[in-house]
Amino acid sequence: MKVHTQAAKHTASHSHYIQKTLIIYSP
């Protein structure tokens, strides 16, 4: 269960990073 939570947390963090990057590089 701990591993699953860690994976979900990492995915959420990665998704947030992509969103931030898209906003920065959006024309």
PDB file of N, CA and C in Angstrom:
ATOM      1  N   MET A   1       0.845  -1.200   0.000  1.00  0.00           N
ATOM      2  CA  MET A   1       0.000   0.000   0.000  1.00  0.00           C
ATOM      3  C   MET A   1       0.881   1.252   0.000  1.00  0.00           C
ATOM      4  N   LYS A   2       1.975   1.186   0.718  1.00  0.00           N
ATOM      5  CA  LYS A   2       2.864   2.344   0.794  1.00  0.00           C
ATOM      6  C   LYS A   2       3.453   2.657  -0.578  1.00  0.00           C
ATOM      7  N   VAL A   3       3.832   1.597  -1.296  1.00  0.00           N
ATOM      8  CA  VAL A   3       4.415   1.786  -2.627  1.00  0.00           C
ATOM      9  C   VAL A   3       3.392   2.414  -3.559  1.00  0.00           C
ATOM     10  N   HIS A   4       2.134   1.955  -3.460  1.00  0.00           N
ATOM     11  CA  HIS A   4       1.078   2.479  -4.330  1.00  0.00           C
ATOM     12  C   HIS A   4       0.864   3.960  -4.052  1.00  0.00           C
ATOM     13  N   THR A   5       0.878   4.324  -2.786  1.00  0.00           N
ATOM     14  CA  THR A   5       0.682   5.726  -2.420  1.00  0.00           C
ATOM     15  C   THR A   5       1.836   6.568  -2.956  1.00  0.00           C
ATOM     16  N   GLN A   6       3.036   6.027  -2.843  1.00  0.00           N
ATOM     17  CA  GLN A   6       4.220   6.745  -3.321  1.00  0.00           C
ATOM     18  C   GLN A   6       4.133   6.948  -4.830  1.00  0.00           C
ATOM     19  N   ALA A   7       3.679   5.915  -5.533  1.00  0.00           N
ATOM     20  CA  ALA A   7       3.562   6.006  -6.988  1.00  0.00           C
ATOM     21  C   ALA A   7       2.521   7.046  -7.368  1.00  0.00           C
ATOM     22  N   ALA A   8       1.396   7.041  -6.673  1.00  0.00           N
ATOM     23  CA  ALA A   8       0.332   8.001  -6.964  1.00  0.00           C
ATOM     24  C   ALA A   8       0.829   9.422  -6.678  1.00  0.00           C
ATOM     25  N   LYS A   9       1.567   9.567  -5.594  1.00  0.00           N
ATOM     26  CA  LYS A   9       2.101  10.879  -5.229  1.00  0.00           C
ATOM     27  C   LYS A   9       3.061  11.369  -6.312  1.00  0.00           C
ATOM     28  N   HIS A  10       3.910  10.460  -6.792  1.00  0.00           N
ATOM     29  CA  HIS A  10       4.885  10.818  -7.820  1.00  0.00           C
ATOM     30  C   HIS A  10       4.167  11.206  -9.110  1.00  0.00           C
ATOM     31  N   THR A  11       3.120  10.465  -9.442  1.00  0.00           N
ATOM     32  CA  THR A  11       2.370  10.753 -10.667  1.00  0.00           C
ATOM     33  C   THR A  11       1.726  12.134 -10.571  1.00  0.00           C
ATOM     34  N   ALA A  12       1.154  12.439  -9.409  1.00  0.00           N
ATOM     35  CA  ALA A  12       0.506  13.732  -9.222  1.00  0.00           C
ATOM     36  C   ALA A  12       1.542  14.852  -9.328  1.00  0.00           C
ATOM     37  N   SER A  13       2.707  14.628  -8.744  1.00  0.00           N
ATOM     38  CA  SER A  13       3.762  15.636  -8.794  1.00  0.00           C
ATOM     39  C   SER A  13       4.229  15.835 -10.231  1.00  0.00           C
ATOM     40  N   HIS A  14       4.374  14.730 -10.954  1.00  0.00           N
ATOM     41  CA  HIS A  14       4.825  14.797 -12.344  1.00  0.00           C
ATOM     42  C   HIS A  14       3.789  15.525 -13.194  1.00  0.00           C
ATOM     43  N   SER A  15       2.514  15.226 -12.936  1.00  0.00           N
ATOM     44  CA  SER A  15       1.433  15.854 -13.704  1.00  0.00           C
ATOM     45  C   SER A  15       1.442  17.360 -13.450  1.00  0.00           C
ATOM     46  N   HIS A  16       1.662  17.748 -12.193  1.00  0.00           N
ATOM     47  CA  HIS A  16       1.696  19.162 -11.842  1.00  0.00           C
ATOM     48  C   HIS A  16       2.876  19.842 -12.546  1.00  0.00           C
ATOM     49  N   TYR A  17       3.998  19.144 -12.616  1.00  0.00           N
ATOM     50  CA  TYR A  17       5.193  19.694 -13.275  1.00  0.00           C
ATOM     51  C   TYR A  17       4.930  19.912 -14.760  1.00  0.00           C
ATOM     52  N   ILE A  18       4.267  18.943 -15.385  1.00  0.00           N
ATOM     53  CA  ILE A  18       3.948  19.072 -16.813  1.00  0.00           C
ATOM     54  C   ILE A  18       3.008  20.259 -17.025  1.00  0.00           C
ATOM     55  N   GLN A  19       2.013  20.385 -16.151  1.00  0.00           N
ATOM     56  CA  GLN A  19       1.058  21.482 -16.271  1.00  0.00           C
ATOM     57  C   GLN A  19       1.789  22.821 -16.177  1.00  0.00           C
ATOM     58  N   LYS A  20       2.694  22.927 -15.217  1.00  0.00           N
ATOM     59  CA  LYS A  20       3.452  24.164 -15.046  1.00  0.00           C
ATOM     60  C   LYS A  20       4.290  24.452 -16.284  1.00  0.00           C
ATOM     61  N   THR A  21       4.917  23.413 -16.822  1.00  0.00           N
ATOM     62  CA  THR A  21       5.759  23.587 -18.004  1.00  0.00           C
ATOM     63  C   THR A  21       4.923  24.022 -19.196  1.00  0.00           C
ATOM     64  N   LEU A  22       3.750  23.418 -19.347  1.00  0.00           N
ATOM     65  CA  LEU A  22       2.885  23.768 -20.471  1.00  0.00           C
ATOM     66  C   LEU A  22       2.452  25.224 -20.370  1.00  0.00           C
ATOM     67  N   ILE A  23       2.161  25.666 -19.156  1.00  0.00           N
ATOM     68  CA  ILE A  23       1.730  27.052 -18.958  1.00  0.00           C
ATOM     69  C   ILE A  23       2.888  27.999 -19.313  1.00  0.00           C
ATOM     70  N   ILE A  24       4.098  27.623 -18.904  1.00  0.00           N
ATOM     71  CA  ILE A  24       5.261  28.479 -19.151  1.00  0.00           C
ATOM     72  C   ILE A  24       5.554  28.575 -20.647  1.00  0.00           C
ATOM     73  N   TYR A  25       5.467  27.445 -21.348  1.00  0.00           N
ATOM     74  CA  TYR A  25       5.827  27.428 -22.768  1.00  0.00           C
ATOM     75  C   TYR A  25       4.640  27.671 -23.688  1.00  0.00           C
ATOM     76  N   SER A  26       3.481  27.946 -23.093  1.00  0.00           N
ATOM     77  CA  SER A  26       2.306  28.207 -23.925  1.00  0.00           C
ATOM     78  C   SER A  26       2.447  29.575 -24.591  1.00  0.00           C
ATOM     79  N   PRO A  27       2.168  29.668 -25.878  1.00  0.00           N
ATOM     80  CA  PRO A  27       2.304  30.930 -26.596  1.00  0.00           C
ATOM     81  C   PRO A  27       1.218  31.936 -26.206  1.00  0.00           C
TER      82      PRO A  27
END
